[in-house]
Amino acid sequence: MELINKFKGFITKYHNFLFRSLIYGYLAYIIIGFIPVYDYFLPTDWQDWTTSTTFYGDIYQYIDMALGNYDAVIAPYKYRILVPFLWSILLPITSFSNSILIWNFIFLFGSSLITDRYLHKLDFSNFYRLIGVLFVNVSFPVIQVAFTPNIDLAVLFFASLFMDGIIEKNAWIIGLSSILGILAKESILLVFPLYFIYNYSEISKSINNLVKKKIIPNKHHIISITFLIVAFIEFLWIRGFIFNINYDYDILRLEFPSYFNRWLSKNGAIKTLIYIFFTLTIIWIGPLGYIIHRWKVDKWFSMSMYGIFAILIITLLSSRISRVGFFLIVIFLPVFLKFIRDFEKNRSHEHKDLKMEEINS
């Protein structure tokens, strides 16, 4: 009886969290297990990726890594070791396809809970947090890879965790997400500047106090920046200290893939802009709040401008803009939710004004 009462107390105390977990878990389960899109992307027997010969692109690189065939893997895929390793540790107890789906579920479900958490820290109501998570989960890039042997959901997970660490000012979350995120995919580097943009005022003040007043900076910033430095060194170390991003090109020597050529033709530029749009679809309207709603320019404006810049960088380094750039939704989602929340508030005020006019007439 005491056990039952404790269970009831747990449910009562955490009913909001448990309810959201049920919704987000079910949504992730449906997306990963029952929404296969892109028929040409699937083998005839898509449940057995180990024997199929019809998959292509980066997928077979990750499969080779999971199966221990590291010699067959080329850069940059060979540096993205975390997710294939996670697939491999479940192989003794389940099939390869099940291992992929299990980890995809974990990363998507985890991203949902983390996104809900950091939106809560930004004072969004339950309704807007639910809307935000739904926008993430049913987006084109997520549905595209949800059931495939890919690593994009892991990148989304670590980017969301990194953002949560920034909002909560938790250096250990920042460290965990950055160090493990590098092992998932090097594109996680693009979220590192968000820490400095978000905390620019505090960091500037700390540096000024250190130089002029010999006051030791905030411990949180020291630990967080140390973790970011360690993660960057880790990125260089696993690449033999070459600033390699894609296919063994060394960025420090100004070596880039030929993807920039897409901007040099009218059709290529239009196609690239379409890819950029489908990365975040209508969430792109969020920053327009600084014009339409006349928001004061703040750190979120700076982060939004950086996010646009980061997407443009991705167009120079990758052929899969929507997939690779989607994790930047962690920047734009709060701005988008603020936009629709303010829009609703304005509509509500207009409705009240109309009611008052009707009463007075």
Protein backbone atom coordinates (compact mmCIF):
# COMPACT_ATOMS: atom_id res chain seq x y z
CA MET A 1 0.00 0.00 0.00
CA GLU A 2 2.86 2.34 0.85
CA LEU A 3 4.46 1.59 -2.51
CA ILE A 4 1.21 2.45 -4.30
CA ASN A 5 0.95 5.72 -2.38
CA LYS A 6 4.52 6.61 -3.29
CA PHE A 7 3.74 5.87 -6.93
CA LYS A 8 0.65 8.08 -6.78
CA GLY A 9 2.70 10.83 -5.16
CA PHE A 10 5.32 10.55 -7.90
CA ILE A 11 2.66 10.77 -10.62
CA THR A 12 1.04 13.78 -8.92
CA LYS A 13 4.33 15.60 -8.42
CA TYR A 14 5.69 14.99 -11.91
CA HIS A 15 2.47 14.70 -13.91
CA ASN A 16 3.42 17.50 -16.32
CA PHE A 17 6.80 15.97 -17.10
CA LEU A 18 5.35 12.47 -17.45
CA PHE A 19 2.57 13.70 -19.71
CA ARG A 20 5.00 15.53 -22.00
CA SER A 21 7.32 12.51 -21.99
CA LEU A 22 4.42 10.33 -23.10
CA ILE A 23 3.53 12.71 -25.94
CA TYR A 24 7.11 13.24 -27.10
CA GLY A 25 7.98 9.56 -26.78
CA TYR A 26 4.96 8.49 -28.78
CA LEU A 27 5.67 11.13 -31.42
CA ALA A 28 9.29 9.99 -31.76
CA TYR A 29 8.15 6.37 -31.95
CA ILE A 30 5.67 7.14 -34.74
CA ILE A 31 8.17 9.17 -36.75
CA ILE A 32 11.00 6.66 -36.49
CA GLY A 33 8.98 3.48 -36.81
CA PHE A 34 6.12 4.29 -39.14
CA ILE A 35 6.93 7.19 -41.45
CA PRO A 36 9.35 5.88 -44.09
CA VAL A 37 9.77 8.53 -46.78
CA TYR A 38 11.96 8.65 -49.87
CA ASP A 39 11.25 5.23 -51.36
CA TYR A 40 14.39 5.43 -53.49
CA PHE A 41 16.39 5.82 -50.28
CA LEU A 42 15.23 2.45 -48.97
CA PRO A 43 16.59 -0.96 -49.94
CA THR A 44 14.08 -3.63 -50.95
CA ASP A 45 14.49 -5.10 -47.51
CA TRP A 46 15.27 -1.89 -45.66
CA GLN A 47 15.18 -3.63 -42.30
CA ASP A 48 18.55 -5.25 -42.98
CA TRP A 49 21.04 -2.51 -43.79
CA THR A 50 24.00 -4.86 -43.42
CA THR A 51 23.20 -6.89 -46.54
CA SER A 52 21.64 -4.24 -48.78
CA THR A 53 23.60 -2.95 -51.74
CA THR A 54 21.17 -0.18 -52.65
CA PHE A 55 22.04 2.42 -50.03
CA TYR A 56 24.50 5.17 -50.90
CA GLY A 57 26.20 8.34 -49.70
CA ASP A 58 27.38 8.58 -46.11
CA ILE A 59 25.17 5.74 -44.90
CA TYR A 60 27.45 2.91 -45.95
CA GLN A 61 30.40 4.68 -44.33
CA TYR A 62 28.69 4.63 -40.93
CA ILE A 63 27.58 1.03 -41.44
CA ASP A 64 31.17 -0.01 -42.19
CA MET A 65 32.31 1.71 -39.00
CA ALA A 66 29.63 0.01 -36.91
CA LEU A 67 30.68 -3.36 -38.31
CA GLY A 68 34.36 -2.69 -37.65
CA ASN A 69 35.45 -2.08 -41.25
CA TYR A 70 37.33 1.12 -40.45
CA ASP A 71 39.83 0.74 -43.29
CA ALA A 72 37.00 1.17 -45.81
CA VAL A 73 35.89 4.50 -44.35
CA ILE A 74 37.15 7.83 -45.69
CA ALA A 75 37.28 11.35 -44.23
CA PRO A 76 35.30 13.04 -42.84
CA TYR A 77 33.11 10.04 -41.95
CA LYS A 78 35.90 8.15 -40.21
CA TYR A 79 36.10 10.89 -37.58
CA ARG A 80 32.41 10.59 -36.63
CA ILE A 81 32.87 7.60 -34.40
CA LEU A 82 30.30 7.99 -31.63
CA VAL A 83 27.03 6.95 -33.27
CA PRO A 84 28.41 3.93 -35.18
CA PHE A 85 29.98 2.80 -31.91
CA LEU A 86 26.63 3.10 -30.14
CA TRP A 87 25.00 1.01 -32.88
CA SER A 88 27.67 -1.65 -32.50
CA ILE A 89 27.25 -2.14 -28.74
CA LEU A 90 23.66 -3.35 -29.23
CA LEU A 91 24.49 -5.82 -32.00
CA PRO A 92 25.07 -8.77 -29.62
CA ILE A 93 21.46 -8.50 -28.40
CA THR A 94 19.48 -7.24 -31.39
CA SER A 95 19.58 -6.81 -35.16
CA PHE A 96 21.43 -4.00 -36.87
CA SER A 97 18.22 -2.29 -38.00
CA ASN A 98 16.76 -2.47 -34.49
CA SER A 99 19.93 -0.96 -33.04
CA ILE A 100 19.68 1.96 -35.48
CA LEU A 101 16.01 2.56 -34.69
CA ILE A 102 16.59 2.32 -30.93
CA TRP A 103 19.34 4.95 -30.97
CA ASN A 104 17.43 7.18 -33.39
CA PHE A 105 14.50 7.02 -30.97
CA ILE A 106 16.74 7.85 -28.01
CA PHE A 107 18.24 10.87 -29.75
CA LEU A 108 14.93 12.22 -31.07
CA PHE A 109 13.09 11.63 -27.79
CA GLY A 110 16.00 13.12 -25.85
CA SER A 111 16.07 16.16 -28.14
CA SER A 112 12.36 16.65 -27.53
CA LEU A 113 12.74 16.63 -23.74
CA ILE A 114 15.78 18.90 -23.84
CA THR A 115 14.08 21.35 -26.20
CA ASP A 116 11.05 21.42 -23.92
CA ARG A 117 13.36 22.06 -20.96
CA TYR A 118 15.24 25.00 -22.42
CA LEU A 119 12.06 26.55 -23.82
CA HIS A 120 10.70 26.34 -20.27
CA LYS A 121 13.78 28.21 -19.03
CA LEU A 122 12.95 30.90 -21.60
CA ASP A 123 9.49 31.28 -20.01
CA PHE A 124 7.44 29.73 -22.78
CA SER A 125 4.14 28.22 -21.68
CA ASN A 126 3.30 24.52 -22.00
CA PHE A 127 1.41 25.25 -25.22
CA TYR A 128 4.31 26.96 -26.97
CA ARG A 129 6.80 24.37 -25.75
CA LEU A 130 4.63 21.63 -27.23
CA ILE A 131 4.32 23.56 -30.49
CA GLY A 132 8.10 24.03 -30.58
CA VAL A 133 8.82 20.33 -30.09
CA LEU A 134 6.25 19.41 -32.74
CA PHE A 135 7.89 21.76 -35.23
CA VAL A 136 11.23 20.08 -34.59
CA ASN A 137 9.96 16.51 -34.81
CA VAL A 138 7.83 16.78 -37.95
CA SER A 139 10.33 18.87 -39.88
CA PHE A 140 11.55 17.71 -43.27
CA PRO A 141 15.16 16.97 -42.23
CA VAL A 142 14.08 14.87 -39.22
CA ILE A 143 11.57 12.76 -41.15
CA GLN A 144 14.14 12.31 -43.91
CA VAL A 145 16.64 10.53 -41.66
CA ALA A 146 14.55 9.26 -38.73
CA PHE A 147 14.60 5.61 -39.77
CA THR A 148 17.97 5.50 -41.55
CA PRO A 149 21.54 4.68 -40.43
CA ASN A 150 22.52 8.32 -40.03
CA ILE A 151 23.94 10.61 -37.36
CA ASP A 152 21.91 13.80 -37.82
CA LEU A 153 19.57 13.14 -34.90
CA ALA A 154 22.59 12.78 -32.63
CA VAL A 155 23.85 16.18 -33.78
CA LEU A 156 20.42 17.67 -33.06
CA PHE A 157 20.51 16.07 -29.60
CA PHE A 158 23.91 17.49 -28.69
CA ALA A 159 23.11 20.93 -30.17
CA SER A 160 19.91 21.03 -28.07
CA LEU A 161 21.86 19.94 -25.00
CA PHE A 162 24.49 22.61 -25.66
CA MET A 163 21.80 25.27 -25.94
CA ASP A 164 20.20 24.08 -22.71
CA GLY A 165 23.59 24.36 -21.01
CA ILE A 166 23.93 27.96 -22.21
CA ILE A 167 20.46 28.94 -21.01
CA GLU A 168 20.88 27.22 -17.64
CA LYS A 169 24.48 28.42 -17.27
CA ASN A 170 25.58 24.85 -16.61
CA ALA A 171 29.22 24.36 -17.55
CA TRP A 172 29.05 20.58 -17.19
CA ILE A 173 26.20 20.28 -19.70
CA ILE A 174 28.16 22.51 -22.09
CA GLY A 175 31.23 20.32 -21.63
CA LEU A 176 29.36 17.04 -22.10
CA SER A 177 27.54 18.22 -25.22
CA SER A 178 30.62 19.74 -26.84
CA ILE A 179 33.07 16.91 -26.16
CA LEU A 180 30.67 14.11 -27.15
CA GLY A 181 29.18 16.22 -29.94
CA ILE A 182 32.57 16.46 -31.65
CA LEU A 183 32.70 12.65 -31.70
CA ALA A 184 29.26 12.60 -33.33
CA LYS A 185 29.94 15.15 -36.07
CA GLU A 186 32.27 18.09 -36.48
CA SER A 187 29.45 20.44 -37.49
CA ILE A 188 28.69 20.81 -33.76
CA LEU A 189 31.56 23.32 -33.82
CA LEU A 190 29.13 25.79 -35.34
CA VAL A 191 27.20 26.07 -32.07
CA PHE A 192 30.30 26.94 -30.02
CA PRO A 193 30.17 30.68 -30.92
CA LEU A 194 26.64 30.81 -29.49
CA TYR A 195 28.12 30.58 -26.01
CA PHE A 196 30.16 33.74 -26.56
CA ILE A 197 27.33 35.60 -28.30
CA TYR A 198 24.82 34.77 -25.57
CA ASN A 199 27.24 35.65 -22.77
CA TYR A 200 29.03 38.51 -24.53
CA SER A 201 28.22 41.16 -21.92
CA GLU A 202 29.21 38.97 -18.98
CA ILE A 203 32.41 37.75 -20.62
CA SER A 204 33.41 41.29 -21.62
CA LYS A 205 32.80 42.49 -18.07
CA SER A 206 34.80 39.58 -16.64
CA ILE A 207 37.76 40.30 -18.92
CA ASN A 208 37.61 43.98 -18.04
CA ASN A 209 37.56 43.19 -14.31
CA LEU A 210 40.46 40.78 -14.71
CA VAL A 211 42.62 43.29 -16.59
CA LYS A 212 41.79 46.42 -14.59
CA LYS A 213 40.83 45.15 -11.15
CA LYS A 214 42.59 41.76 -11.05
CA ILE A 215 39.27 40.10 -10.21
CA ILE A 216 39.06 36.43 -11.19
CA PRO A 217 36.30 35.86 -13.76
CA ASN A 218 33.12 33.93 -13.04
CA LYS A 219 33.94 30.25 -12.43
CA HIS A 220 31.14 29.18 -14.77
CA HIS A 221 32.73 30.97 -17.72
CA ILE A 222 36.21 29.64 -16.93
CA ILE A 223 34.98 26.03 -16.83
CA SER A 224 32.73 26.41 -19.88
CA ILE A 225 35.42 28.01 -22.05
CA THR A 226 37.92 25.39 -20.89
CA PHE A 227 35.53 22.67 -22.05
CA LEU A 228 35.12 24.37 -25.42
CA ILE A 229 38.88 24.59 -25.84
CA VAL A 230 39.24 20.92 -24.91
CA ALA A 231 36.54 19.97 -27.42
CA PHE A 232 38.28 21.97 -30.16
CA ILE A 233 41.62 20.32 -29.36
CA GLU A 234 39.81 16.98 -29.48
CA PHE A 235 38.48 17.90 -32.93
CA LEU A 236 42.03 18.64 -34.14
CA TRP A 237 43.60 15.65 -32.38
CA ILE A 238 41.43 12.99 -34.02
CA ARG A 239 42.27 14.61 -37.38
CA GLY A 240 46.01 14.65 -36.80
CA PHE A 241 45.86 18.40 -36.05
CA ILE A 242 44.65 19.28 -39.53
CA PHE A 243 41.65 21.61 -39.67
CA ASN A 244 39.76 19.08 -41.73
CA ILE A 245 36.03 19.57 -42.25
CA ASN A 246 35.18 17.68 -45.42
CA TYR A 247 37.01 15.13 -47.58
CA ASP A 248 40.48 15.97 -46.26
CA TYR A 249 40.32 19.64 -47.24
CA ASP A 250 42.35 21.82 -44.88
CA ILE A 251 40.35 24.98 -44.17
CA LEU A 252 43.38 26.78 -42.73
CA ARG A 253 45.03 26.47 -46.15
CA LEU A 254 41.87 27.87 -47.74
CA GLU A 255 41.03 24.48 -49.27
CA PHE A 256 37.29 24.11 -49.80
CA PRO A 257 35.10 21.58 -51.61
CA SER A 258 33.61 22.76 -54.90
CA TYR A 259 30.15 23.29 -53.40
CA PHE A 260 30.56 27.08 -53.65
CA ASN A 261 30.12 26.66 -57.42
CA ARG A 262 26.39 26.27 -56.84
CA TRP A 263 26.21 29.99 -56.08
CA LEU A 264 27.83 30.90 -59.41
CA SER A 265 24.85 30.03 -61.59
CA LYS A 266 21.27 31.26 -61.50
CA ASN A 267 19.74 27.77 -61.26
CA GLY A 268 22.30 26.66 -58.69
CA ALA A 269 21.69 29.71 -56.50
CA ILE A 270 17.90 29.27 -56.68
CA LYS A 271 18.21 25.59 -55.80
CA THR A 272 20.49 26.43 -52.88
CA LEU A 273 18.04 29.01 -51.56
CA ILE A 274 15.26 26.40 -51.77
CA TYR A 275 17.42 23.98 -49.75
CA ILE A 276 18.04 26.72 -47.18
CA PHE A 277 14.31 27.40 -46.92
CA PHE A 278 13.48 23.73 -46.38
CA THR A 279 16.08 23.52 -43.62
CA LEU A 280 13.74 25.41 -41.27
CA THR A 281 10.69 26.24 -43.50
CA ILE A 282 8.36 28.77 -41.83
CA ILE A 283 10.56 29.00 -38.73
CA TRP A 284 12.64 31.42 -40.80
CA ILE A 285 10.00 34.10 -40.18
CA GLY A 286 11.00 34.34 -36.52
CA PRO A 287 13.70 37.03 -36.92
CA LEU A 288 11.17 39.22 -38.76
CA GLY A 289 9.80 39.98 -35.29
CA TYR A 290 12.57 42.56 -34.97
CA ILE A 291 10.88 44.42 -37.84
CA ILE A 292 7.19 43.54 -37.54
CA HIS A 293 6.93 43.55 -33.75
CA ARG A 294 9.72 46.10 -33.35
CA TRP A 295 11.63 44.04 -30.85
CA LYS A 296 14.65 45.58 -29.24
CA VAL A 297 17.90 44.29 -30.75
CA ASP A 298 19.26 41.77 -28.27
CA LYS A 299 21.42 38.68 -27.97
CA TRP A 300 18.84 36.60 -29.86
CA PHE A 301 19.09 38.97 -32.80
CA SER A 302 22.87 38.49 -32.80
CA MET A 303 22.48 34.72 -32.57
CA SER A 304 19.94 34.73 -35.42
CA MET A 305 22.33 36.68 -37.64
CA TYR A 306 25.06 34.23 -36.73
CA GLY A 307 22.72 31.32 -37.54
CA ILE A 308 22.14 32.71 -41.03
CA PHE A 309 25.90 33.08 -41.47
CA ALA A 310 26.42 29.49 -40.28
CA ILE A 311 23.91 28.20 -42.85
CA LEU A 312 25.81 30.04 -45.59
CA ILE A 313 29.03 28.41 -44.37
CA ILE A 314 27.35 25.02 -44.60
CA THR A 315 26.43 25.69 -48.25
CA LEU A 316 30.18 25.88 -48.93
CA LEU A 317 31.03 22.66 -47.08
CA SER A 318 28.19 20.22 -47.69
CA SER A 319 25.88 19.01 -50.44
CA ARG A 320 23.09 18.22 -47.96
CA ILE A 321 22.24 21.67 -46.65
CA SER A 322 18.87 20.85 -45.06
CA ARG A 323 20.13 17.81 -43.19
CA VAL A 324 23.45 19.26 -42.08
CA GLY A 325 22.12 22.68 -41.10
CA PHE A 326 18.95 21.61 -39.32
CA PHE A 327 20.52 21.53 -35.86
CA LEU A 328 20.68 25.33 -36.03
CA ILE A 329 16.97 25.26 -35.27
CA VAL A 330 18.08 25.55 -31.63
CA ILE A 331 18.75 29.24 -32.41
CA PHE A 332 15.69 30.08 -34.44
CA LEU A 333 12.99 28.09 -32.62
CA PRO A 334 12.71 30.39 -29.56
CA VAL A 335 12.66 33.44 -31.84
CA PHE A 336 9.93 31.87 -33.97
CA LEU A 337 7.82 30.97 -30.92
CA LYS A 338 8.22 34.50 -29.58
CA PHE A 339 7.06 35.81 -32.97
CA ILE A 340 3.83 33.78 -32.98
CA ARG A 341 3.24 34.47 -29.27
CA ASP A 342 3.51 38.22 -29.84
CA PHE A 343 1.33 37.90 -32.93
CA GLU A 344 -1.34 36.19 -30.84
CA LYS A 345 -1.06 38.87 -28.16
CA ASN A 346 -1.54 41.61 -30.76
CA ARG A 347 -4.54 39.81 -32.22
CA SER A 348 -5.98 39.40 -28.74
CA HIS A 349 -5.62 43.13 -28.05
CA GLU A 350 -7.28 43.95 -31.37
CA HIS A 351 -10.15 41.61 -30.51
CA LYS A 352 -10.60 43.25 -27.11
CA ASP A 353 -10.57 46.71 -28.70
CA LEU A 354 -13.23 45.59 -31.18
CA LYS A 355 -15.40 44.24 -28.34
CA MET A 356 -15.10 47.54 -26.48
CA GLU A 357 -16.14 49.48 -29.61
CA GLU A 358 -19.19 47.25 -29.99
CA ILE A 359 -20.15 47.82 -26.34
CA ASN A 360 -19.69 51.58 -26.57
CA SER A 361 -21.73 51.79 -29.78
